[in-house]
Amino acid sequence: MEPNQPQKNKLNIELSDEVAEGTYSNLAIITHSRSEFVVDFIKMLPGIPKAKVKSRIILTPQHAKRLVKALQENIKKFETMHGNIKGSDMDQIPFSLGGPTAQA
């Protein structure tokens, strides 16, 4: 192989400073259609009945399934190192999205 030719199956991923800072989220709402999954990441603050979507990620069904598998594997590794993650008392929060269910 020539020294200046890119290697096959190698992906160069760039991460800007702004994206590297990240966005905090403590709630995710997932909707789907036949062709895509939409994940809205939200930051809720205690005592404030209103919250804004901070980021929306749209995935193909295939990628959504790969993401679930990757999350399950990483949670297992985390719990092996740090112990079980306790369930949240926020699992049953009543809320309204204020709009129709996502459709494609």
PDB file of N, CA and C in Angstrom:
ATOM      1  N   MET A   1       0.843  -1.167   0.000  1.00  0.00           N
ATOM      2  CA  MET A   1       0.000   0.000   0.000  1.00  0.00           C
ATOM      3  C   MET A   1       0.897   1.240   0.000  1.00  0.00           C
ATOM      4  N   GLU A   2       0.490   2.239  -0.759  1.00  0.00           N
ATOM      5  CA  GLU A   2       1.220   3.497  -0.855  1.00  0.00           C
ATOM      6  C   GLU A   2       1.110   4.248   0.478  1.00  0.00           C
ATOM      7  N   PRO A   3       2.154   4.983   0.896  1.00  0.00           N
ATOM      8  CA  PRO A   3       2.106   5.691   2.178  1.00  0.00           C
ATOM      9  C   PRO A   3       1.050   6.790   2.243  1.00  0.00           C
ATOM     10  N   ASN A   4       0.672   7.400   1.137  1.00  0.00           N
ATOM     11  CA  ASN A   4      -0.286   8.496   1.150  1.00  0.00           C
ATOM     12  C   ASN A   4      -1.725   8.054   0.929  1.00  0.00           C
ATOM     13  N   GLN A   5      -1.959   6.776   0.753  1.00  0.00           N
ATOM     14  CA  GLN A   5      -3.312   6.282   0.521  1.00  0.00           C
ATOM     15  C   GLN A   5      -3.985   5.948   1.847  1.00  0.00           C
ATOM     16  N   PRO A   6      -5.273   6.360   2.009  1.00  0.00           N
ATOM     17  CA  PRO A   6      -5.965   6.058   3.261  1.00  0.00           C
ATOM     18  C   PRO A   6      -6.189   4.558   3.410  1.00  0.00           C
ATOM     19  N   GLN A   7      -6.156   4.086   4.656  1.00  0.00           N
ATOM     20  CA  GLN A   7      -6.409   2.673   4.923  1.00  0.00           C
ATOM     21  C   GLN A   7      -7.901   2.406   4.819  1.00  0.00           C
ATOM     22  N   LYS A   8      -8.237   1.222   4.310  1.00  0.00           N
ATOM     23  CA  LYS A   8      -9.641   0.834   4.225  1.00  0.00           C
ATOM     24  C   LYS A   8     -10.198   0.642   5.626  1.00  0.00           C
ATOM     25  N   ASN A   9     -11.502   0.887   5.776  1.00  0.00           N
ATOM     26  CA  ASN A   9     -12.224   0.711   7.036  1.00  0.00           C
ATOM     27  C   ASN A   9     -11.721   1.617   8.157  1.00  0.00           C
ATOM     28  N   LYS A  10     -11.060   2.698   7.822  1.00  0.00           N
ATOM     29  CA  LYS A  10     -10.617   3.649   8.833  1.00  0.00           C
ATOM     30  C   LYS A  10     -11.461   4.913   8.695  1.00  0.00           C
ATOM     31  N   LEU A  11     -11.984   5.390   9.804  1.00  0.00           N
ATOM     32  CA  LEU A  11     -12.853   6.554   9.804  1.00  0.00           C
ATOM     33  C   LEU A  11     -12.218   7.652  10.639  1.00  0.00           C
ATOM     34  N   ASN A  12     -12.070   8.817  10.042  1.00  0.00           N
ATOM     35  CA  ASN A  12     -11.528   9.966  10.751  1.00  0.00           C
ATOM     36  C   ASN A  12     -12.701  10.793  11.262  1.00  0.00           C
ATOM     37  N   ILE A  13     -12.876  10.842  12.588  1.00  0.00           N
ATOM     38  CA  ILE A  13     -13.995  11.560  13.195  1.00  0.00           C
ATOM     39  C   ILE A  13     -13.469  12.840  13.810  1.00  0.00           C
ATOM     40  N   GLU A  14     -14.089  13.961  13.435  1.00  0.00           N
ATOM     41  CA  GLU A  14     -13.698  15.255  13.987  1.00  0.00           C
ATOM     42  C   GLU A  14     -14.686  15.671  15.063  1.00  0.00           C
ATOM     43  N   LEU A  15     -14.180  16.292  16.103  1.00  0.00           N
ATOM     44  CA  LEU A  15     -15.001  16.754  17.219  1.00  0.00           C
ATOM     45  C   LEU A  15     -14.661  18.215  17.479  1.00  0.00           C
ATOM     46  N   SER A  16     -15.602  19.099  17.177  1.00  0.00           N
ATOM     47  CA  SER A  16     -15.362  20.526  17.396  1.00  0.00           C
ATOM     48  C   SER A  16     -15.349  20.822  18.893  1.00  0.00           C
ATOM     49  N   ASP A  17     -14.741  21.937  19.273  1.00  0.00           N
ATOM     50  CA  ASP A  17     -14.697  22.329  20.683  1.00  0.00           C
ATOM     51  C   ASP A  17     -16.100  22.504  21.253  1.00  0.00           C
ATOM     52  N   GLU A  18     -16.995  23.108  20.466  1.00  0.00           N
ATOM     53  CA  GLU A  18     -18.366  23.347  20.928  1.00  0.00           C
ATOM     54  C   GLU A  18     -19.093  22.034  21.214  1.00  0.00           C
ATOM     55  N   VAL A  19     -18.983  21.072  20.306  1.00  0.00           N
ATOM     56  CA  VAL A  19     -19.651  19.783  20.503  1.00  0.00           C
ATOM     57  C   VAL A  19     -18.977  19.009  21.636  1.00  0.00           C
ATOM     58  N   ALA A  20     -17.662  19.132  21.762  1.00  0.00           N
ATOM     59  CA  ALA A  20     -16.922  18.417  22.806  1.00  0.00           C
ATOM     60  C   ALA A  20     -17.362  18.827  24.208  1.00  0.00           C
ATOM     61  N   GLU A  21     -17.859  20.065  24.361  1.00  0.00           N
ATOM     62  CA  GLU A  21     -18.350  20.517  25.667  1.00  0.00           C
ATOM     63  C   GLU A  21     -19.556  19.708  26.115  1.00  0.00           C
ATOM     64  N   GLY A  22     -20.337  19.215  25.182  1.00  0.00           N
ATOM     65  CA  GLY A  22     -21.507  18.411  25.506  1.00  0.00           C
ATOM     66  C   GLY A  22     -22.691  19.251  25.936  1.00  0.00           C
ATOM     67  N   THR A  23     -23.837  18.599  26.030  1.00  0.00           N
ATOM     68  CA  THR A  23     -25.070  19.222  26.491  1.00  0.00           C
ATOM     69  C   THR A  23     -25.663  18.317  27.548  1.00  0.00           C
ATOM     70  N   TYR A  24     -25.927  18.857  28.725  1.00  0.00           N
ATOM     71  CA  TYR A  24     -26.487  18.070  29.815  1.00  0.00           C
ATOM     72  C   TYR A  24     -27.947  17.737  29.539  1.00  0.00           C
ATOM     73  N   SER A  25     -28.315  16.491  29.824  1.00  0.00           N
ATOM     74  CA  SER A  25     -29.701  16.055  29.692  1.00  0.00           C
ATOM     75  C   SER A  25     -30.022  15.104  30.833  1.00  0.00           C
ATOM     76  N   ASN A  26     -31.213  15.266  31.419  1.00  0.00           N
ATOM     77  CA  ASN A  26     -31.651  14.323  32.443  1.00  0.00           C
ATOM     78  C   ASN A  26     -33.014  13.713  32.100  1.00  0.00           C
ATOM     79  N   LEU A  27     -33.407  13.885  30.840  1.00  0.00           N
ATOM     80  CA  LEU A  27     -34.651  13.282  30.348  1.00  0.00           C
ATOM     81  C   LEU A  27     -34.535  13.113  28.838  1.00  0.00           C
ATOM     82  N   ALA A  28     -34.946  11.979  28.349  1.00  0.00           N
ATOM     83  CA  ALA A  28     -34.996  11.749  26.907  1.00  0.00           C
ATOM     84  C   ALA A  28     -36.387  11.250  26.548  1.00  0.00           C
ATOM     85  N   ILE A  29     -36.928  11.792  25.475  1.00  0.00           N
ATOM     86  CA  ILE A  29     -38.226  11.356  24.972  1.00  0.00           C
ATOM     87  C   ILE A  29     -37.997  10.779  23.584  1.00  0.00           C
ATOM     88  N   ILE A  30     -38.505   9.585  23.371  1.00  0.00           N
ATOM     89  CA  ILE A  30     -38.275   8.885  22.112  1.00  0.00           C
ATOM     90  C   ILE A  30     -39.606   8.660  21.406  1.00  0.00           C
ATOM     91  N   THR A  31     -39.659   9.071  20.150  1.00  0.00           N
ATOM     92  CA  THR A  31     -40.808   8.787  19.299  1.00  0.00           C
ATOM     93  C   THR A  31     -40.276   8.130  18.037  1.00  0.00           C
ATOM     94  N   HIS A  32     -41.171   7.511  17.293  1.00  0.00           N
ATOM     95  CA  HIS A  32     -40.718   6.861  16.062  1.00  0.00           C
ATOM     96  C   HIS A  32     -41.821   6.815  15.018  1.00  0.00           C
ATOM     97  N   SER A  33     -41.370   6.678  13.791  1.00  0.00           N
ATOM     98  CA  SER A  33     -42.260   6.416  12.663  1.00  0.00           C
ATOM     99  C   SER A  33     -41.763   5.127  12.020  1.00  0.00           C
ATOM    100  N   ARG A  34     -42.299   4.804  10.902  1.00  0.00           N
ATOM    101  CA  ARG A  34     -41.873   3.592  10.197  1.00  0.00           C
ATOM    102  C   ARG A  34     -40.400   3.673   9.761  1.00  0.00           C
ATOM    103  N   SER A  35     -39.916   4.882   9.503  1.00  0.00           N
ATOM    104  CA  SER A  35     -38.581   5.021   8.913  1.00  0.00           C
ATOM    105  C   SER A  35     -37.525   5.649   9.809  1.00  0.00           C
ATOM    106  N   GLU A  36     -37.922   6.151  11.006  1.00  0.00           N
ATOM    107  CA  GLU A  36     -36.916   6.810  11.842  1.00  0.00           C
ATOM    108  C   GLU A  36     -37.322   6.834  13.310  1.00  0.00           C
ATOM    109  N   PHE A  37     -36.315   6.947  14.162  1.00  0.00           N
ATOM    110  CA  PHE A  37     -36.490   7.174  15.588  1.00  0.00           C
ATOM    111  C   PHE A  37     -36.020   8.590  15.874  1.00  0.00           C
ATOM    112  N   VAL A  38     -36.772   9.311  16.686  1.00  0.00           N
ATOM    113  CA  VAL A  38     -36.410  10.674  17.068  1.00  0.00           C
ATOM    114  C   VAL A  38     -36.205  10.677  18.579  1.00  0.00           C
ATOM    115  N   VAL A  39     -35.008  11.087  19.000  1.00  0.00           N
ATOM    116  CA  VAL A  39     -34.680  11.156  20.422  1.00  0.00           C
ATOM    117  C   VAL A  39     -34.473  12.618  20.786  1.00  0.00           C
ATOM    118  N   ASP A  40     -35.345  13.138  21.644  1.00  0.00           N
ATOM    119  CA  ASP A  40     -35.218  14.503  22.139  1.00  0.00           C
ATOM    120  C   ASP A  40     -34.587  14.445  23.530  1.00  0.00           C
ATOM    121  N   PHE A  41     -33.467  15.155  23.693  1.00  0.00           N
ATOM    122  CA  PHE A  41     -32.779  15.234  24.975  1.00  0.00           C
ATOM    123  C   PHE A  41     -33.173  16.545  25.645  1.00  0.00           C
ATOM    124  N   ILE A  42     -33.611  16.447  26.905  1.00  0.00           N
ATOM    125  CA  ILE A  42     -34.194  17.569  27.625  1.00  0.00           C
ATOM    126  C   ILE A  42     -33.475  17.756  28.959  1.00  0.00           C
ATOM    127  N   LYS A  43     -33.357  19.009  29.380  1.00  0.00           N
ATOM    128  CA  LYS A  43     -32.831  19.306  30.710  1.00  0.00           C
ATOM    129  C   LYS A  43     -33.977  19.841  31.556  1.00  0.00           C
ATOM    130  N   MET A  44     -34.341  19.076  32.597  1.00  0.00           N
ATOM    131  CA  MET A  44     -35.386  19.502  33.528  1.00  0.00           C
ATOM    132  C   MET A  44     -34.721  20.023  34.793  1.00  0.00           C
ATOM    133  N   LEU A  45     -35.269  21.105  35.352  1.00  0.00           N
ATOM    134  CA  LEU A  45     -34.757  21.647  36.606  1.00  0.00           C
ATOM    135  C   LEU A  45     -35.802  21.471  37.696  1.00  0.00           C
ATOM    136  N   PRO A  46     -35.371  21.158  38.913  1.00  0.00           N
ATOM    137  CA  PRO A  46     -36.321  20.953  40.011  1.00  0.00           C
ATOM    138  C   PRO A  46     -37.190  22.182  40.244  1.00  0.00           C
ATOM    139  N   GLY A  47     -38.478  21.950  40.419  1.00  0.00           N
ATOM    140  CA  GLY A  47     -39.404  23.026  40.742  1.00  0.00           C
ATOM    141  C   GLY A  47     -39.810  23.890  39.564  1.00  0.00           C
ATOM    142  N   ILE A  48     -39.303  23.603  38.381  1.00  0.00           N
ATOM    143  CA  ILE A  48     -39.668  24.384  37.194  1.00  0.00           C
ATOM    144  C   ILE A  48     -40.505  23.488  36.282  1.00  0.00           C
ATOM    145  N   PRO A  49     -41.778  23.839  36.068  1.00  0.00           N
ATOM    146  CA  PRO A  49     -42.673  22.959  35.317  1.00  0.00           C
ATOM    147  C   PRO A  49     -42.480  23.020  33.802  1.00  0.00           C
ATOM    148  N   LYS A  50     -41.499  23.760  33.339  1.00  0.00           N
ATOM    149  CA  LYS A  50     -41.274  23.881  31.903  1.00  0.00           C
ATOM    150  C   LYS A  50     -39.833  23.473  31.596  1.00  0.00           C
ATOM    151  N   ALA A  51     -39.635  22.770  30.487  1.00  0.00           N
ATOM    152  CA  ALA A  51     -38.294  22.348  30.090  1.00  0.00           C
ATOM    153  C   ALA A  51     -38.180  22.452  28.578  1.00  0.00           C
ATOM    154  N   LYS A  52     -36.958  22.658  28.104  1.00  0.00           N
ATOM    155  CA  LYS A  52     -36.723  22.784  26.667  1.00  0.00           C
ATOM    156  C   LYS A  52     -35.934  21.596  26.142  1.00  0.00           C
ATOM    157  N   VAL A  53     -36.239  21.241  24.903  1.00  0.00           N
ATOM    158  CA  VAL A  53     -35.433  20.241  24.216  1.00  0.00           C
ATOM    159  C   VAL A  53     -34.083  20.894  23.927  1.00  0.00           C
ATOM    160  N   LYS A  54     -33.010  20.255  24.369  1.00  0.00           N
ATOM    161  CA  LYS A  54     -31.667  20.783  24.170  1.00  0.00           C
ATOM    162  C   LYS A  54     -31.000  20.215  22.930  1.00  0.00           C
ATOM    163  N   SER A  55     -31.429  19.023  22.528  1.00  0.00           N
ATOM    164  CA  SER A  55     -30.841  18.393  21.347  1.00  0.00           C
ATOM    165  C   SER A  55     -31.815  17.356  20.809  1.00  0.00           C
ATOM    166  N   ARG A  56     -31.882  17.222  19.495  1.00  0.00           N
ATOM    167  CA  ARG A  56     -32.721  16.213  18.849  1.00  0.00           C
ATOM    168  C   ARG A  56     -31.826  15.397  17.928  1.00  0.00           C
ATOM    169  N   ILE A  57     -31.877  14.086  18.099  1.00  0.00           N
ATOM    170  CA  ILE A  57     -31.109  13.179  17.251  1.00  0.00           C
ATOM    171  C   ILE A  57     -32.110  12.296  16.503  1.00  0.00           C
ATOM    172  N   ILE A  58     -31.935  12.195  15.185  1.00  0.00           N
ATOM    173  CA  ILE A  58     -32.814  11.382  14.344  1.00  0.00           C
ATOM    174  C   ILE A  58     -31.995  10.211  13.826  1.00  0.00           C
ATOM    175  N   LEU A  59     -32.518   8.997  14.043  1.00  0.00           N
ATOM    176  CA  LEU A  59     -31.797   7.764  13.715  1.00  0.00           C
ATOM    177  C   LEU A  59     -32.623   6.865  12.817  1.00  0.00           C
ATOM    178  N   THR A  60     -31.944   6.084  11.989  1.00  0.00           N
ATOM    179  CA  THR A  60     -32.637   5.019  11.266  1.00  0.00           C
ATOM    180  C   THR A  60     -32.971   3.917  12.280  1.00  0.00           C
ATOM    181  N   PRO A  61     -33.952   3.077  12.010  1.00  0.00           N
ATOM    182  CA  PRO A  61     -34.251   1.978  12.931  1.00  0.00           C
ATOM    183  C   PRO A  61     -33.036   1.068  13.164  1.00  0.00           C
ATOM    184  N   GLN A  62     -32.260   0.838  12.127  1.00  0.00           N
ATOM    185  CA  GLN A  62     -31.079  -0.010  12.269  1.00  0.00           C
ATOM    186  C   GLN A  62     -30.055   0.621  13.217  1.00  0.00           C
ATOM    187  N   HIS A  63     -29.837   1.929  13.069  1.00  0.00           N
ATOM    188  CA  HIS A  63     -28.877   2.597  13.940  1.00  0.00           C
ATOM    189  C   HIS A  63     -29.412   2.683  15.370  1.00  0.00           C
ATOM    190  N   ALA A  64     -30.715   2.876  15.531  1.00  0.00           N
ATOM    191  CA  ALA A  64     -31.311   2.903  16.874  1.00  0.00           C
ATOM    192  C   ALA A  64     -31.055   1.572  17.580  1.00  0.00           C
ATOM    193  N   LYS A  65     -31.189   0.484  16.852  1.00  0.00           N
ATOM    194  CA  LYS A  65     -30.960  -0.838  17.448  1.00  0.00           C
ATOM    195  C   LYS A  65     -29.485  -1.021  17.815  1.00  0.00           C
ATOM    196  N   ARG A  66     -28.578  -0.547  16.965  1.00  0.00           N
ATOM    197  CA  ARG A  66     -27.144  -0.619  17.279  1.00  0.00           C
ATOM    198  C   ARG A  66     -26.823   0.238  18.505  1.00  0.00           C
ATOM    199  N   LEU A  67     -27.479   1.399  18.616  1.00  0.00           N
ATOM    200  CA  LEU A  67     -27.265   2.278  19.764  1.00  0.00           C
ATOM    201  C   LEU A  67     -27.726   1.602  21.055  1.00  0.00           C
ATOM    202  N   VAL A  68     -28.884   0.963  21.030  1.00  0.00           N
ATOM    203  CA  VAL A  68     -29.381   0.250  22.215  1.00  0.00           C
ATOM    204  C   VAL A  68     -28.380  -0.820  22.635  1.00  0.00           C
ATOM    205  N   LYS A  69     -27.869  -1.572  21.689  1.00  0.00           N
ATOM    206  CA  LYS A  69     -26.898  -2.628  22.000  1.00  0.00           C
ATOM    207  C   LYS A  69     -25.630  -2.028  22.608  1.00  0.00           C
ATOM    208  N   ALA A  70     -25.134  -0.932  22.032  1.00  0.00           N
ATOM    209  CA  ALA A  70     -23.929  -0.290  22.545  1.00  0.00           C
ATOM    210  C   ALA A  70     -24.160   0.256  23.955  1.00  0.00           C
ATOM    211  N   LEU A  71     -25.331   0.848  24.201  1.00  0.00           N
ATOM    212  CA  LEU A  71     -25.653   1.348  25.540  1.00  0.00           C
ATOM    213  C   LEU A  71     -25.725   0.199  26.548  1.00  0.00           C
ATOM    214  N   GLN A  72     -26.353  -0.909  26.167  1.00  0.00           N
ATOM    215  CA  GLN A  72     -26.454  -2.060  27.070  1.00  0.00           C
ATOM    216  C   GLN A  72     -25.067  -2.587  27.431  1.00  0.00           C
ATOM    217  N   GLU A  73     -24.185  -2.683  26.437  1.00  0.00           N
ATOM    218  CA  GLU A  73     -22.826  -3.166  26.689  1.00  0.00           C
ATOM    219  C   GLU A  73     -22.067  -2.211  27.605  1.00  0.00           C
ATOM    220  N   ASN A  74     -22.228  -0.908  27.384  1.00  0.00           N
ATOM    221  CA  ASN A  74     -21.520   0.068  28.209  1.00  0.00           C
ATOM    222  C   ASN A  74     -22.079   0.145  29.620  1.00  0.00           C
ATOM    223  N   ILE A  75     -23.384  -0.009  29.779  1.00  0.00           N
ATOM    224  CA  ILE A  75     -23.977  -0.026  31.115  1.00  0.00           C
ATOM    225  C   ILE A  75     -23.465  -1.243  31.877  1.00  0.00           C
ATOM    226  N   LYS A  76     -23.378  -2.372  31.212  1.00  0.00           N
ATOM    227  CA  LYS A  76     -22.865  -3.587  31.857  1.00  0.00           C
ATOM    228  C   LYS A  76     -21.428  -3.367  32.331  1.00  0.00           C
ATOM    229  N   LYS A  77     -20.591  -2.775  31.482  1.00  0.00           N
ATOM    230  CA  LYS A  77     -19.199  -2.491  31.868  1.00  0.00           C
ATOM    231  C   LYS A  77     -19.148  -1.514  33.036  1.00  0.00           C
ATOM    232  N   PHE A  78     -19.976  -0.459  32.991  1.00  0.00           N
ATOM    233  CA  PHE A  78     -20.027   0.534  34.064  1.00  0.00           C
ATOM    234  C   PHE A  78     -20.399  -0.130  35.378  1.00  0.00           C
ATOM    235  N   GLU A  79     -21.462  -0.949  35.358  1.00  0.00           N
ATOM    236  CA  GLU A  79     -21.931  -1.584  36.587  1.00  0.00           C
ATOM    237  C   GLU A  79     -20.928  -2.590  37.120  1.00  0.00           C
ATOM    238  N   THR A  80     -20.163  -3.219  36.247  1.00  0.00           N
ATOM    239  CA  THR A  80     -19.112  -4.126  36.687  1.00  0.00           C
ATOM    240  C   THR A  80     -18.049  -3.359  37.480  1.00  0.00           C
ATOM    241  N   MET A  81     -17.736  -2.162  37.041  1.00  0.00           N
ATOM    242  CA  MET A  81     -16.716  -1.346  37.694  1.00  0.00           C
ATOM    243  C   MET A  81     -17.249  -0.587  38.914  1.00  0.00           C
ATOM    244  N   HIS A  82     -18.492  -0.102  38.856  1.00  0.00           N
ATOM    245  CA  HIS A  82     -18.989   0.839  39.857  1.00  0.00           C
ATOM    246  C   HIS A  82     -20.210   0.354  40.635  1.00  0.00           C
ATOM    247  N   GLY A  83     -20.728  -0.801  40.330  1.00  0.00           N
ATOM    248  CA  GLY A  83     -21.924  -1.297  41.003  1.00  0.00           C
ATOM    249  C   GLY A  83     -23.186  -0.951  40.227  1.00  0.00           C
ATOM    250  N   ASN A  84     -24.286  -1.555  40.640  1.00  0.00           N
ATOM    251  CA  ASN A  84     -25.556  -1.372  39.934  1.00  0.00           C
ATOM    252  C   ASN A  84     -26.019   0.079  39.961  1.00  0.00           C
ATOM    253  N   ILE A  85     -26.588   0.506  38.847  1.00  0.00           N
ATOM    254  CA  ILE A  85     -27.197   1.825  38.752  1.00  0.00           C
ATOM    255  C   ILE A  85     -28.601   1.702  39.323  1.00  0.00           C
ATOM    256  N   LYS A  86     -28.912   2.539  40.297  1.00  0.00           N
ATOM    257  CA  LYS A  86     -30.233   2.490  40.914  1.00  0.00           C
ATOM    258  C   LYS A  86     -31.264   3.108  39.989  1.00  0.00           C
ATOM    259  N   GLY A  87     -32.505   2.616  40.071  1.00  0.00           N
ATOM    260  CA  GLY A  87     -33.605   3.160  39.288  1.00  0.00           C
ATOM    261  C   GLY A  87     -33.917   4.582  39.704  1.00  0.00           C
ATOM    262  N   SER A  88     -34.588   5.292  38.838  1.00  0.00           N
ATOM    263  CA  SER A  88     -34.919   6.689  39.100  1.00  0.00           C
ATOM    264  C   SER A  88     -36.323   6.810  39.648  1.00  0.00           C
ATOM    265  N   ASP A  89     -36.529   7.760  40.554  1.00  0.00           N
ATOM    266  CA  ASP A  89     -37.873   8.040  41.040  1.00  0.00           C
ATOM    267  C   ASP A  89     -38.631   8.912  40.054  1.00  0.00           C
ATOM    268  N   MET A  90     -37.977   9.303  38.957  1.00  0.00           N
ATOM    269  CA  MET A  90     -38.607  10.160  37.957  1.00  0.00           C
ATOM    270  C   MET A  90     -39.217   9.352  36.811  1.00  0.00           C
ATOM    271  N   ASP A  91     -39.250   8.031  36.936  1.00  0.00           N
ATOM    272  CA  ASP A  91     -39.737   7.189  35.856  1.00  0.00           C
ATOM    273  C   ASP A  91     -41.191   7.456  35.486  1.00  0.00           C
ATOM    274  N   GLN A  92     -41.974   7.954  36.411  1.00  0.00           N
ATOM    275  CA  GLN A  92     -43.400   8.149  36.169  1.00  0.00           C
ATOM    276  C   GLN A  92     -43.793   9.625  36.162  1.00  0.00           C
ATOM    277  N   ILE A  93     -42.949  10.489  35.635  1.00  0.00           N
ATOM    278  CA  ILE A  93     -43.255  11.924  35.612  1.00  0.00           C
ATOM    279  C   ILE A  93     -44.362  12.194  34.601  1.00  0.00           C
ATOM    280  N   PRO A  94     -45.468  12.801  35.033  1.00  0.00           N
ATOM    281  CA  PRO A  94     -46.495  13.173  34.052  1.00  0.00           C
ATOM    282  C   PRO A  94     -46.084  14.461  33.349  1.00  0.00           C
ATOM    283  N   PHE A  95     -46.172  14.454  32.043  1.00  0.00           N
ATOM    284  CA  PHE A  95     -45.833  15.655  31.300  1.00  0.00           C
ATOM    285  C   PHE A  95     -46.564  15.655  29.985  1.00  0.00           C
ATOM    286  N   SER A  96     -46.607  16.804  29.362  1.00  0.00           N
ATOM    287  CA  SER A  96     -47.241  16.953  28.064  1.00  0.00           C
ATOM    288  C   SER A  96     -46.252  17.554  27.087  1.00  0.00           C
ATOM    289  N   LEU A  97     -46.167  16.980  25.915  1.00  0.00           N
ATOM    290  CA  LEU A  97     -45.278  17.520  24.898  1.00  0.00           C
ATOM    291  C   LEU A  97     -45.879  18.725  24.209  1.00  0.00           C
ATOM    292  N   GLY A  98     -47.166  18.931  24.380  1.00  0.00           N
ATOM    293  CA  GLY A  98     -47.800  20.107  23.810  1.00  0.00           C
ATOM    294  C   GLY A  98     -47.959  20.069  22.312  1.00  0.00           C
ATOM    295  N   GLY A  99     -47.926  18.913  21.723  1.00  0.00           N
ATOM    296  CA  GLY A  99     -48.054  18.815  20.280  1.00  0.00           C
ATOM    297  C   GLY A  99     -48.391  17.405  19.857  1.00  0.00           C
ATOM    298  N   PRO A 100     -48.551  17.182  18.564  1.00  0.00           N
ATOM    299  CA  PRO A 100     -48.906  15.855  18.071  1.00  0.00           C
ATOM    300  C   PRO A 100     -47.723  14.897  18.138  1.00  0.00           C
ATOM    301  N   THR A 101     -48.016  13.613  18.120  1.00  0.00           N
ATOM    302  CA  THR A 101     -46.988  12.593  18.065  1.00  0.00           C
ATOM    303  C   THR A 101     -46.262  12.691  16.727  1.00  0.00           C
ATOM    304  N   ALA A 102     -44.955  12.477  16.773  1.00  0.00           N
ATOM    305  CA  ALA A 102     -44.151  12.593  15.548  1.00  0.00           C
ATOM    306  C   ALA A 102     -44.622  11.605  14.497  1.00  0.00           C
ATOM    307  N   GLN A 103     -44.688  12.058  13.262  1.00  0.00           N
ATOM    308  CA  GLN A 103     -45.065  11.221  12.129  1.00  0.00           C
ATOM    309  C   GLN A 103     -44.139  11.531  10.966  1.00  0.00           C
ATOM    310  N   ALA A 104     -43.954  10.552  10.103  1.00  0.00           N
ATOM    311  CA  ALA A 104     -43.116  10.773   8.932  1.00  0.00           C
ATOM    312  C   ALA A 104     -43.972  10.852   7.683  1.00  0.00           C
TER     313      ALA A 104
END
